[in-house]
C-alpha atoms as a PDB file:
ATOM      1  CA  MET A   1    -168.400  25.018 150.843  1.00  0.00           C
ATOM      2  CA  LEU A   2    -165.913  27.805 151.314  1.00  0.00           C
ATOM      3  CA  LYS A   3    -166.471  31.561 151.541  1.00  0.00           C
ATOM      4  CA  ILE A   4    -163.788  33.775 150.016  1.00  0.00           C
ATOM      5  CA  ARG A   5    -163.413  37.526 149.527  1.00  0.00           C
ATOM      6  CA  GLY A   6    -161.348  39.169 146.853  1.00  0.00           C
ATOM      7  CA  VAL A   7    -161.105  41.015 143.563  1.00  0.00           C
ATOM      8  CA  VAL A   8    -162.339  39.584 140.250  1.00  0.00           C
ATOM      9  CA  VAL A   9    -159.623  39.791 137.572  1.00  0.00           C
ATOM     10  CA  PRO A  10    -159.426  38.531 133.983  1.00  0.00           C
ATOM     11  CA  ARG A  11    -157.407  35.341 133.450  1.00  0.00           C
ATOM     12  CA  THR A  12    -157.746  34.646 129.704  1.00  0.00           C
ATOM     13  CA  TRP A  13    -159.144  36.434 126.677  1.00  0.00           C
ATOM     14  CA  ASP A  14    -160.398  35.284 123.276  1.00  0.00           C
ATOM     15  CA  GLU A  15    -158.921  36.470 119.956  1.00  0.00           C
ATOM     16  CA  ASP A  16    -161.249  39.498 120.014  1.00  0.00           C
ATOM     17  CA  GLY A  17    -160.070  40.607 123.458  1.00  0.00           C
ATOM     18  CA  ARG A  18    -163.164  39.475 125.372  1.00  0.00           C
ATOM     19  CA  VAL A  19    -162.645  37.982 128.815  1.00  0.00           C
ATOM     20  CA  VAL A  20    -163.365  34.243 128.727  1.00  0.00           C
ATOM     21  CA  ALA A  21    -162.022  33.190 132.139  1.00  0.00           C
ATOM     22  CA  ILE A  22    -161.624  34.946 135.489  1.00  0.00           C
ATOM     23  CA  THR A  23    -159.776  34.540 138.759  1.00  0.00           C
ATOM     24  CA  ILE A  24    -160.472  35.847 142.238  1.00  0.00           C
ATOM     25  CA  LEU A  25    -157.429  37.256 144.024  1.00  0.00           C
ATOM     26  CA  THR A  26    -158.000  37.283 147.770  1.00  0.00           C
ATOM     27  CA  HIS A  27    -156.648  39.849 150.182  1.00  0.00           C
ATOM     28  CA  ASP A  28    -154.360  37.208 151.726  1.00  0.00           C
ATOM     29  CA  GLU A  29    -152.803  36.548 148.280  1.00  0.00           C
ATOM     30  CA  ASP A  30    -154.633  33.313 147.428  1.00  0.00           C
ATOM     31  CA  GLU A  31    -155.815  32.800 143.870  1.00  0.00           C
ATOM     32  CA  TYR A  32    -158.971  30.934 142.840  1.00  0.00           C
ATOM     33  CA  HIS A  33    -159.789  30.201 139.221  1.00  0.00           C
ATOM     34  CA  VAL A  34    -163.547  30.497 138.706  1.00  0.00           C
ATOM     35  CA  GLU A  35    -165.387  27.718 136.872  1.00  0.00           C
ATOM     36  CA  ASN A  36    -166.996  29.193 133.778  1.00  0.00           C
ATOM     37  CA  ASP A  37    -170.514  27.921 134.393  1.00  0.00           C
ATOM     38  CA  GLY A  38    -173.707  29.079 136.087  1.00  0.00           C
ATOM     39  CA  ARG A  39    -173.022  31.741 138.700  1.00  0.00           C
ATOM     40  CA  GLY A  40    -169.324  31.786 137.797  1.00  0.00           C
ATOM     41  CA  LYS A  41    -170.179  33.150 134.342  1.00  0.00           C
ATOM     42  CA  GLU A  42    -172.119  35.985 135.959  1.00  0.00           C
ATOM     43  CA  LEU A  43    -168.999  37.147 137.811  1.00  0.00           C
ATOM     44  CA  LYS A  44    -167.409  38.195 134.488  1.00  0.00           C
ATOM     45  CA  LYS A  45    -169.594  41.323 134.667  1.00  0.00           C
ATOM     46  CA  PHE A  46    -167.745  42.417 137.817  1.00  0.00           C
ATOM     47  CA  ILE A  47    -164.099  42.696 136.712  1.00  0.00           C
ATOM     48  CA  ARG A  48    -162.057  44.734 139.250  1.00  0.00           C
ATOM     49  CA  GLU A  49    -164.879  44.550 141.811  1.00  0.00           C
ATOM     50  CA  ASN A  50    -164.579  43.240 145.368  1.00  0.00           C
ATOM     51  CA  VAL A  51    -166.797  40.206 145.880  1.00  0.00           C
ATOM     52  CA  GLU A  52    -167.642  37.619 148.500  1.00  0.00           C
ATOM     53  CA  VAL A  53    -168.122  34.161 146.987  1.00  0.00           C
ATOM     54  CA  LEU A  54    -169.520  30.967 148.451  1.00  0.00           C
ATOM     55  CA  GLY A  55    -168.619  27.849 146.531  1.00  0.00           C
ATOM     56  CA  LEU A  56    -167.048  24.438 146.285  1.00  0.00           C
ATOM     57  CA  VAL A  57    -163.254  24.487 145.965  1.00  0.00           C
ATOM     58  CA  ARG A  58    -161.228  21.686 144.440  1.00  0.00           C
ATOM     59  CA  PRO A  59    -157.577  21.419 143.464  1.00  0.00           C
ATOM     60  CA  GLN A  60    -156.825  21.005 139.782  1.00  0.00           C
ATOM     61  CA  GLY A  61    -153.175  20.562 138.862  1.00  0.00           C
ATOM     62  CA  GLY A  62    -151.953  22.611 141.829  1.00  0.00           C
ATOM     63  CA  ILE A  63    -154.499  25.376 141.218  1.00  0.00           C
ATOM     64  CA  LYS A  64    -157.525  26.155 143.386  1.00  0.00           C
ATOM     65  CA  VAL A  65    -160.727  26.129 141.327  1.00  0.00           C
ATOM     66  CA  ILE A  66    -164.022  27.379 142.745  1.00  0.00           C
ATOM     67  CA  GLN A  67    -167.479  26.453 141.512  1.00  0.00           C
ATOM     68  CA  VAL A  68    -169.598  29.440 142.533  1.00  0.00           C
ATOM     69  CA  ASN A  69    -172.790  28.718 144.454  1.00  0.00           C
ATOM     70  CA  LYS A  70    -173.576  32.372 145.191  1.00  0.00           C
ATOM     71  CA  PHE A  71    -171.833  35.715 145.407  1.00  0.00           C
ATOM     72  CA  ARG A  72    -172.349  39.313 146.434  1.00  0.00           C
ATOM     73  CA  LEU A  73    -170.559  42.566 145.726  1.00  0.00           C
ATOM     74  CA  CYS A  74    -168.622  44.025 148.647  1.00  0.00           C
ATOM     75  CA  ARG A  75    -168.553  47.788 148.412  1.00  0.00           C
ATOM     76  CA  GLU A  76    -165.621  49.312 150.224  1.00  0.00           C
ATOM     77  CA  PHE A  77    -166.573  52.020 152.651  1.00  0.00           C
ATOM     78  CA  GLU A  78    -165.276  55.471 151.900  1.00  0.00           C
ATOM     79  CA  LYS A  79    -162.960  56.959 154.484  1.00  0.00           C
ATOM     80  CA  GLN A  80    -164.972  58.577 157.190  1.00  0.00           C
ATOM     81  CA  HIS A  81    -163.761  61.871 158.561  1.00  0.00           C
ATOM     82  CA  LEU A  82    -164.253  62.210 162.282  1.00  0.00           C
END
């Protein structure tokens, strides 16, 4: 299992413009395609959100694919004025 943090972005759309596949772009510029099953499907609700994902990663044709075991939203803290 691997834990990653990044932003959920659309990867492909259907003919009606609905998102059918997503990717997580990490802050260190890695890219993980999300398997479209179980918990991975749930992540489609969080496009442009920062998330932390725990899952099984496997290479597929030179691309990292993650099967999501669990995830949580990571809210960025607002700038604090001292």
